[in-house]
Amino acid sequence: MILVAPSLLAADFANLQREVEEITEAGADWLHLDIMDGHFVPNISFGPGLVSALRSKTSLIFDVHLMVCQPEKFVAPFAEAGADYITVHAEACPDLYRVLRQIKEAGCRPGVALNPATPLSVLEYLWEELDLVLLMSVSPGFGGQEFLPFVLPKVAEAARRIKEAGKEIFLVVDGGVNMENAAALVQAGATVLVAGTAVFGHPSRAEAIKALKDLGSKSLS
């Protein structure tokens, strides 16, 4: 089963409650929440207050993606705000194992995100600690970028490593995901597609989500 996680960053910020309710009704599986601090990435997005405000508006899984420096300082606030998964960047964590344990102790499921040029080898001794691996397929920090094709073999390699680990780990791809590359990503092993513009920029959220899921399912048949 292919999961679709619309990225709130691409939604209409003047009508966020309506946007979240609409994608919930349209069949989204997760809500992807990009947290940007203006340091790890150039932009600033939103904080735990907004996440908490939206938590009561939907039953979707909240996938909080911390694109921040010193992510250990943000774990507790977002866990309290209602995060289900908290994903931190390997590039921002001098002691990645400690942060993953902190996420678990806060009652959330831990994930690690890797920038496009960051190798999978940074996860060498951590597969047993992970519930999610997120591969960036654009440089983080801006929505609407084009998918970087060289990430596709990395997705396949990550899928192979997850299978070897023998543990249920979601393989998430984030950045430039659309109708043109969804099938190839799922065929390579992606199990969760983060889609911002492809969903929120489409006239029909339901049609966009269904199209992404159908493309993924057909690629596996």
C-alpha atoms as a PDB file:
ATOM      1  CA  MET A   1       0.000   0.000   0.000  1.00  0.00           C
ATOM      2  CA  ILE A   2       1.403   3.364  -1.048  1.00  0.00           C
ATOM      3  CA  LEU A   3       0.897   6.244   1.363  1.00  0.00           C
ATOM      4  CA  VAL A   4       0.532   9.864   0.310  1.00  0.00           C
ATOM      5  CA  ALA A   5       1.604  12.624   2.688  1.00  0.00           C
ATOM      6  CA  PRO A   6       0.662  16.095   1.421  1.00  0.00           C
ATOM      7  CA  SER A   7       3.138  18.728   2.565  1.00  0.00           C
ATOM      8  CA  LEU A   8       1.467  21.572   4.436  1.00  0.00           C
ATOM      9  CA  LEU A   9       4.146  23.948   3.203  1.00  0.00           C
ATOM     10  CA  ALA A  10       2.381  24.086  -0.184  1.00  0.00           C
ATOM     11  CA  ALA A  11      -1.091  24.730   1.264  1.00  0.00           C
ATOM     12  CA  ASP A  12      -2.991  28.018   1.400  1.00  0.00           C
ATOM     13  CA  PHE A  13      -1.751  29.458   4.695  1.00  0.00           C
ATOM     14  CA  ALA A  14      -4.763  31.742   4.945  1.00  0.00           C
ATOM     15  CA  ASN A  15      -7.045  28.699   5.079  1.00  0.00           C
ATOM     16  CA  LEU A  16      -5.023  25.940   6.729  1.00  0.00           C
ATOM     17  CA  GLN A  17      -7.888  24.314   8.625  1.00  0.00           C
ATOM     18  CA  ARG A  18      -9.928  24.034   5.447  1.00  0.00           C
ATOM     19  CA  GLU A  19      -6.927  22.692   3.540  1.00  0.00           C
ATOM     20  CA  VAL A  20      -6.232  20.012   6.156  1.00  0.00           C
ATOM     21  CA  GLU A  21      -9.880  18.969   6.336  1.00  0.00           C
ATOM     22  CA  GLU A  22     -10.023  18.778   2.544  1.00  0.00           C
ATOM     23  CA  ILE A  23      -7.008  16.487   2.155  1.00  0.00           C
ATOM     24  CA  THR A  24      -8.318  14.316   4.998  1.00  0.00           C
ATOM     25  CA  GLU A  25     -11.578  13.820   3.127  1.00  0.00           C
ATOM     26  CA  ALA A  26      -9.646  13.375  -0.135  1.00  0.00           C
ATOM     27  CA  GLY A  27      -7.859  10.262   1.119  1.00  0.00           C
ATOM     28  CA  ALA A  28      -4.474  11.497   2.318  1.00  0.00           C
ATOM     29  CA  ASP A  29      -2.721   9.152   4.746  1.00  0.00           C
ATOM     30  CA  TRP A  30      -0.306  11.464   6.539  1.00  0.00           C
ATOM     31  CA  LEU A  31       0.181  15.199   6.905  1.00  0.00           C
ATOM     32  CA  HIS A  32       3.795  16.210   6.317  1.00  0.00           C
ATOM     33  CA  LEU A  33       4.866  19.195   8.410  1.00  0.00           C
ATOM     34  CA  ASP A  34       8.110  20.897   7.404  1.00  0.00           C
ATOM     35  CA  ILE A  35       9.605  22.817  10.320  1.00  0.00           C
ATOM     36  CA  MET A  36      12.191  25.374   9.165  1.00  0.00           C
ATOM     37  CA  ASP A  37      14.267  27.588  11.431  1.00  0.00           C
ATOM     38  CA  GLY A  38      15.998  29.970   9.032  1.00  0.00           C
ATOM     39  CA  HIS A  39      19.389  28.462   9.949  1.00  0.00           C
ATOM     40  CA  PHE A  40      19.575  24.851   8.790  1.00  0.00           C
ATOM     41  CA  VAL A  41      17.577  26.004   5.758  1.00  0.00           C
ATOM     42  CA  PRO A  42      17.031  29.603   4.589  1.00  0.00           C
ATOM     43  CA  ASN A  43      13.283  29.762   5.207  1.00  0.00           C
ATOM     44  CA  ILE A  44      11.163  29.909   8.362  1.00  0.00           C
ATOM     45  CA  SER A  45       7.870  27.996   8.382  1.00  0.00           C
ATOM     46  CA  PHE A  46       5.877  27.429  11.583  1.00  0.00           C
ATOM     47  CA  GLY A  47       6.161  26.044  15.092  1.00  0.00           C
ATOM     48  CA  PRO A  48       4.491  23.679  17.548  1.00  0.00           C
ATOM     49  CA  GLY A  49       1.610  26.075  18.198  1.00  0.00           C
ATOM     50  CA  LEU A  50       0.286  25.614  14.669  1.00  0.00           C
ATOM     51  CA  VAL A  51       0.775  21.850  14.818  1.00  0.00           C
ATOM     52  CA  SER A  52      -1.172  21.728  18.086  1.00  0.00           C
ATOM     53  CA  ALA A  53      -3.972  23.860  16.601  1.00  0.00           C
ATOM     54  CA  LEU A  54      -4.340  21.501  13.630  1.00  0.00           C
ATOM     55  CA  ARG A  55      -4.139  18.290  15.663  1.00  0.00           C
ATOM     56  CA  SER A  56      -7.825  18.381  16.616  1.00  0.00           C
ATOM     57  CA  LYS A  57      -8.892  19.057  13.021  1.00  0.00           C
ATOM     58  CA  THR A  58      -7.820  15.748  11.480  1.00  0.00           C
ATOM     59  CA  SER A  59      -7.156  12.096  12.179  1.00  0.00           C
ATOM     60  CA  LEU A  60      -4.171  12.024   9.815  1.00  0.00           C
ATOM     61  CA  ILE A  61      -0.773  10.820  10.991  1.00  0.00           C
ATOM     62  CA  PHE A  62       1.386  13.873  11.740  1.00  0.00           C
ATOM     63  CA  ASP A  63       4.815  13.482  10.168  1.00  0.00           C
ATOM     64  CA  VAL A  64       6.962  16.293  11.592  1.00  0.00           C
ATOM     65  CA  HIS A  65      10.131  16.930   9.581  1.00  0.00           C
ATOM     66  CA  LEU A  66      12.599  19.038  11.563  1.00  0.00           C
ATOM     67  CA  MET A  67      14.755  21.014   9.145  1.00  0.00           C
ATOM     68  CA  VAL A  68      16.437  22.798  12.025  1.00  0.00           C
ATOM     69  CA  CYS A  69      19.741  23.193  13.820  1.00  0.00           C
ATOM     70  CA  GLN A  70      19.934  21.538  17.243  1.00  0.00           C
ATOM     71  CA  PRO A  71      16.798  19.428  16.662  1.00  0.00           C
ATOM     72  CA  GLU A  72      17.050  17.980  20.178  1.00  0.00           C
ATOM     73  CA  LYS A  73      15.628  21.288  21.456  1.00  0.00           C
ATOM     74  CA  PHE A  74      12.497  20.856  19.314  1.00  0.00           C
ATOM     75  CA  VAL A  75      11.606  17.238  20.036  1.00  0.00           C
ATOM     76  CA  ALA A  76       9.619  17.735  23.248  1.00  0.00           C
ATOM     77  CA  PRO A  77       7.544  20.727  22.006  1.00  0.00           C
ATOM     78  CA  PHE A  78       6.478  18.933  18.831  1.00  0.00           C
ATOM     79  CA  ALA A  79       5.807  15.675  20.635  1.00  0.00           C
ATOM     80  CA  GLU A  80       3.523  17.573  23.000  1.00  0.00           C
ATOM     81  CA  ALA A  81       1.875  19.299  20.019  1.00  0.00           C
ATOM     82  CA  GLY A  82       0.743  15.955  18.605  1.00  0.00           C
ATOM     83  CA  ALA A  83       3.477  14.624  16.342  1.00  0.00           C
ATOM     84  CA  ASP A  84       3.339  10.913  15.522  1.00  0.00           C
ATOM     85  CA  TYR A  85       6.656  10.745  13.679  1.00  0.00           C
ATOM     86  CA  ILE A  86       9.548  13.133  14.249  1.00  0.00           C
ATOM     87  CA  THR A  87      12.258  13.123  11.614  1.00  0.00           C
ATOM     88  CA  VAL A  88      15.607  14.829  12.122  1.00  0.00           C
ATOM     89  CA  HIS A  89      18.377  15.492   9.636  1.00  0.00           C
ATOM     90  CA  ALA A  90      21.526  13.449  10.044  1.00  0.00           C
ATOM     91  CA  GLU A  91      23.462  16.539   8.966  1.00  0.00           C
ATOM     92  CA  ALA A  92      22.162  18.458  12.013  1.00  0.00           C
ATOM     93  CA  CYS A  93      22.916  15.811  14.660  1.00  0.00           C
ATOM     94  CA  PRO A  94      26.453  15.292  16.010  1.00  0.00           C
ATOM     95  CA  ASP A  95      25.028  12.436  18.117  1.00  0.00           C
ATOM     96  CA  LEU A  96      22.239  11.032  15.959  1.00  0.00           C
ATOM     97  CA  TYR A  97      21.666   7.955  18.129  1.00  0.00           C
ATOM     98  CA  ARG A  98      20.992  10.098  21.198  1.00  0.00           C
ATOM     99  CA  VAL A  99      18.413  12.213  19.368  1.00  0.00           C
ATOM    100  CA  LEU A 100      16.611   9.121  18.070  1.00  0.00           C
ATOM    101  CA  ARG A 101      16.393   7.777  21.618  1.00  0.00           C
ATOM    102  CA  GLN A 102      15.082  11.152  22.760  1.00  0.00           C
ATOM    103  CA  ILE A 103      12.294  10.993  20.172  1.00  0.00           C
ATOM    104  CA  LYS A 104      11.277   7.529  21.372  1.00  0.00           C
ATOM    105  CA  GLU A 105      11.301   8.650  24.997  1.00  0.00           C
ATOM    106  CA  ALA A 106       9.002  11.532  24.023  1.00  0.00           C
ATOM    107  CA  GLY A 107       6.459   8.978  22.767  1.00  0.00           C
ATOM    108  CA  CYS A 108       7.000   9.450  19.022  1.00  0.00           C
ATOM    109  CA  ARG A 109       8.432   7.299  16.253  1.00  0.00           C
ATOM    110  CA  PRO A 110      11.887   8.382  15.074  1.00  0.00           C
ATOM    111  CA  GLY A 111      13.027   9.055  11.553  1.00  0.00           C
ATOM    112  CA  VAL A 112      16.157  10.316   9.857  1.00  0.00           C
ATOM    113  CA  ALA A 113      16.227  12.576   6.810  1.00  0.00           C
ATOM    114  CA  LEU A 114      19.153  12.707   4.399  1.00  0.00           C
ATOM    115  CA  ASN A 115      19.901  15.532   1.998  1.00  0.00           C
ATOM    116  CA  PRO A 116      20.339  14.500  -1.645  1.00  0.00           C
ATOM    117  CA  ALA A 117      24.139  14.241  -1.464  1.00  0.00           C
ATOM    118  CA  THR A 118      24.297  12.640   2.003  1.00  0.00           C
ATOM    119  CA  PRO A 119      25.184   8.938   1.703  1.00  0.00           C
ATOM    120  CA  LEU A 120      23.197   6.138   3.290  1.00  0.00           C
ATOM    121  CA  SER A 121      26.329   5.071   5.130  1.00  0.00           C
ATOM    122  CA  VAL A 122      25.521   7.528   7.948  1.00  0.00           C
ATOM    123  CA  LEU A 123      22.756   5.090   8.946  1.00  0.00           C
ATOM    124  CA  GLU A 124      25.115   2.099   9.074  1.00  0.00           C
ATOM    125  CA  TYR A 125      24.598   1.293  12.758  1.00  0.00           C
ATOM    126  CA  LEU A 126      21.156   2.813  13.223  1.00  0.00           C
ATOM    127  CA  TRP A 127      18.706   0.763  11.159  1.00  0.00           C
ATOM    128  CA  GLU A 128      17.316  -0.979  14.248  1.00  0.00           C
ATOM    129  CA  GLU A 129      16.527   2.397  15.808  1.00  0.00           C
ATOM    130  CA  LEU A 130      14.522   3.727  12.882  1.00  0.00           C
ATOM    131  CA  ASP A 131      10.850   3.728  11.997  1.00  0.00           C
ATOM    132  CA  LEU A 132      11.292   6.032   9.008  1.00  0.00           C
ATOM    133  CA  VAL A 133      13.954   7.079   6.529  1.00  0.00           C
ATOM    134  CA  LEU A 134      13.290  10.225   4.513  1.00  0.00           C
ATOM    135  CA  LEU A 135      15.302  10.860   1.376  1.00  0.00           C
ATOM    136  CA  MET A 136      15.307  14.435   0.156  1.00  0.00           C
ATOM    137  CA  SER A 137      15.047  14.583  -3.620  1.00  0.00           C
ATOM    138  CA  VAL A 138      15.570  18.362  -3.724  1.00  0.00           C
ATOM    139  CA  SER A 139      17.780  20.643  -1.665  1.00  0.00           C
ATOM    140  CA  PRO A 140      15.751  21.305   1.506  1.00  0.00           C
ATOM    141  CA  GLY A 141      14.192  24.640   2.310  1.00  0.00           C
ATOM    142  CA  PHE A 142      12.041  25.598  -0.667  1.00  0.00           C
ATOM    143  CA  GLY A 143       8.855  24.165  -2.147  1.00  0.00           C
ATOM    144  CA  GLY A 144       8.191  23.742  -5.834  1.00  0.00           C
ATOM    145  CA  GLN A 145      11.669  22.509  -6.830  1.00  0.00           C
ATOM    146  CA  GLU A 146      12.290  19.938  -9.539  1.00  0.00           C
ATOM    147  CA  PHE A 147      13.038  16.344  -8.588  1.00  0.00           C
ATOM    148  CA  LEU A 148      16.722  15.372  -8.716  1.00  0.00           C
ATOM    149  CA  PRO A 149      16.956  12.149 -10.787  1.00  0.00           C
ATOM    150  CA  PHE A 150      20.218  10.986  -9.165  1.00  0.00           C
ATOM    151  CA  VAL A 151      18.258  10.293  -5.965  1.00  0.00           C
ATOM    152  CA  LEU A 152      16.349   7.427  -7.622  1.00  0.00           C
ATOM    153  CA  PRO A 153      19.172   4.836  -7.273  1.00  0.00           C
ATOM    154  CA  LYS A 154      19.572   5.973  -3.677  1.00  0.00           C
ATOM    155  CA  VAL A 155      15.909   5.110  -3.064  1.00  0.00           C
ATOM    156  CA  ALA A 156      16.495   1.625  -4.454  1.00  0.00           C
ATOM    157  CA  GLU A 157      19.582   1.155  -2.289  1.00  0.00           C
ATOM    158  CA  ALA A 158      17.715   2.355   0.823  1.00  0.00           C
ATOM    159  CA  ALA A 159      14.895  -0.086   0.081  1.00  0.00           C
ATOM    160  CA  ARG A 160      17.443  -2.899  -0.150  1.00  0.00           C
ATOM    161  CA  ARG A 161      19.025  -1.939   3.162  1.00  0.00           C
ATOM    162  CA  ILE A 162      15.614  -1.760   4.868  1.00  0.00           C
ATOM    163  CA  LYS A 163      14.794  -5.248   3.604  1.00  0.00           C
ATOM    164  CA  GLU A 164      18.104  -6.515   4.965  1.00  0.00           C
ATOM    165  CA  ALA A 165      17.358  -4.918   8.343  1.00  0.00           C
ATOM    166  CA  GLY A 166      14.202  -7.048   8.576  1.00  0.00           C
ATOM    167  CA  LYS A 167      12.295  -4.247  10.283  1.00  0.00           C
ATOM    168  CA  GLU A 168       9.266  -2.260   9.188  1.00  0.00           C
ATOM    169  CA  ILE A 169      10.736   1.099   8.220  1.00  0.00           C
ATOM    170  CA  PHE A 170       8.837   3.554   6.048  1.00  0.00           C
ATOM    171  CA  LEU A 171      10.853   4.839   3.095  1.00  0.00           C
ATOM    172  CA  VAL A 172       9.760   8.401   2.429  1.00  0.00           C
ATOM    173  CA  VAL A 173      10.697  10.526  -0.579  1.00  0.00           C
ATOM    174  CA  ASP A 174      10.308  14.280  -0.245  1.00  0.00           C
ATOM    175  CA  GLY A 175      10.891  16.868  -2.946  1.00  0.00           C
ATOM    176  CA  GLY A 176       9.508  17.359  -6.434  1.00  0.00           C
ATOM    177  CA  VAL A 177       7.280  14.286  -6.219  1.00  0.00           C
ATOM    178  CA  ASN A 178       4.588  14.383  -8.901  1.00  0.00           C
ATOM    179  CA  MET A 179       2.635  12.319 -11.417  1.00  0.00           C
ATOM    180  CA  GLU A 180       5.690  11.999 -13.682  1.00  0.00           C
ATOM    181  CA  ASN A 181       7.986  10.316 -11.152  1.00  0.00           C
ATOM    182  CA  ALA A 182       5.658   8.659  -8.615  1.00  0.00           C
ATOM    183  CA  ALA A 183       5.625   5.288 -10.373  1.00  0.00           C
ATOM    184  CA  ALA A 184       9.416   5.140 -10.667  1.00  0.00           C
ATOM    185  CA  LEU A 185       9.842   6.065  -7.000  1.00  0.00           C
ATOM    186  CA  VAL A 186       7.465   3.367  -5.807  1.00  0.00           C
ATOM    187  CA  GLN A 187       9.046   0.824  -8.139  1.00  0.00           C
ATOM    188  CA  ALA A 188      12.416   1.717  -6.601  1.00  0.00           C
ATOM    189  CA  GLY A 189      11.007   1.029  -3.134  1.00  0.00           C
ATOM    190  CA  ALA A 190       9.444   4.211  -1.763  1.00  0.00           C
ATOM    191  CA  THR A 191       6.461   3.546   0.505  1.00  0.00           C
ATOM    192  CA  VAL A 192       5.468   7.133   1.383  1.00  0.00           C
ATOM    193  CA  LEU A 193       5.289   9.957  -1.153  1.00  0.00           C
ATOM    194  CA  VAL A 194       5.474  13.492   0.215  1.00  0.00           C
ATOM    195  CA  ALA A 195       3.738  15.740  -2.283  1.00  0.00           C
ATOM    196  CA  GLY A 196       3.295  19.473  -1.875  1.00  0.00           C
ATOM    197  CA  THR A 197       2.600  21.289  -5.116  1.00  0.00           C
ATOM    198  CA  ALA A 198       1.359  18.077  -6.779  1.00  0.00           C
ATOM    199  CA  VAL A 199      -1.529  17.954  -4.283  1.00  0.00           C
ATOM    200  CA  PHE A 200      -2.176  21.499  -3.084  1.00  0.00           C
ATOM    201  CA  GLY A 201      -1.498  22.966  -6.523  1.00  0.00           C
ATOM    202  CA  HIS A 202      -4.001  20.633  -8.177  1.00  0.00           C
ATOM    203  CA  PRO A 203      -7.587  21.799  -8.795  1.00  0.00           C
ATOM    204  CA  SER A 204      -8.855  18.639  -7.078  1.00  0.00           C
ATOM    205  CA  ARG A 205      -7.027  17.362  -4.011  1.00  0.00           C
ATOM    206  CA  ALA A 206      -8.904  14.050  -4.246  1.00  0.00           C
ATOM    207  CA  GLU A 207      -7.932  13.502  -7.889  1.00  0.00           C
ATOM    208  CA  ALA A 208      -4.290  14.316  -7.176  1.00  0.00           C
ATOM    209  CA  ILE A 209      -4.040  11.938  -4.225  1.00  0.00           C
ATOM    210  CA  LYS A 210      -5.836   9.157  -6.103  1.00  0.00           C
ATOM    211  CA  ALA A 211      -3.586   9.621  -9.121  1.00  0.00           C
ATOM    212  CA  LEU A 212      -0.434   9.334  -7.006  1.00  0.00           C
ATOM    213  CA  LYS A 213      -1.715   6.188  -5.288  1.00  0.00           C
ATOM    214  CA  ASP A 214      -2.867   4.638  -8.563  1.00  0.00           C
ATOM    215  CA  LEU A 215       0.471   5.310 -10.240  1.00  0.00           C
ATOM    216  CA  GLY A 216       2.291   3.743  -7.320  1.00  0.00           C
ATOM    217  CA  SER A 217       0.033   0.697  -7.191  1.00  0.00           C
ATOM    218  CA  LYS A 218       0.230   0.072 -10.934  1.00  0.00           C
ATOM    219  CA  SER A 219       4.015   0.205 -10.835  1.00  0.00           C
ATOM    220  CA  LEU A 220       4.005  -2.702  -8.412  1.00  0.00           C
ATOM    221  CA  SER A 221       1.529  -4.876 -10.321  1.00  0.00           C
END
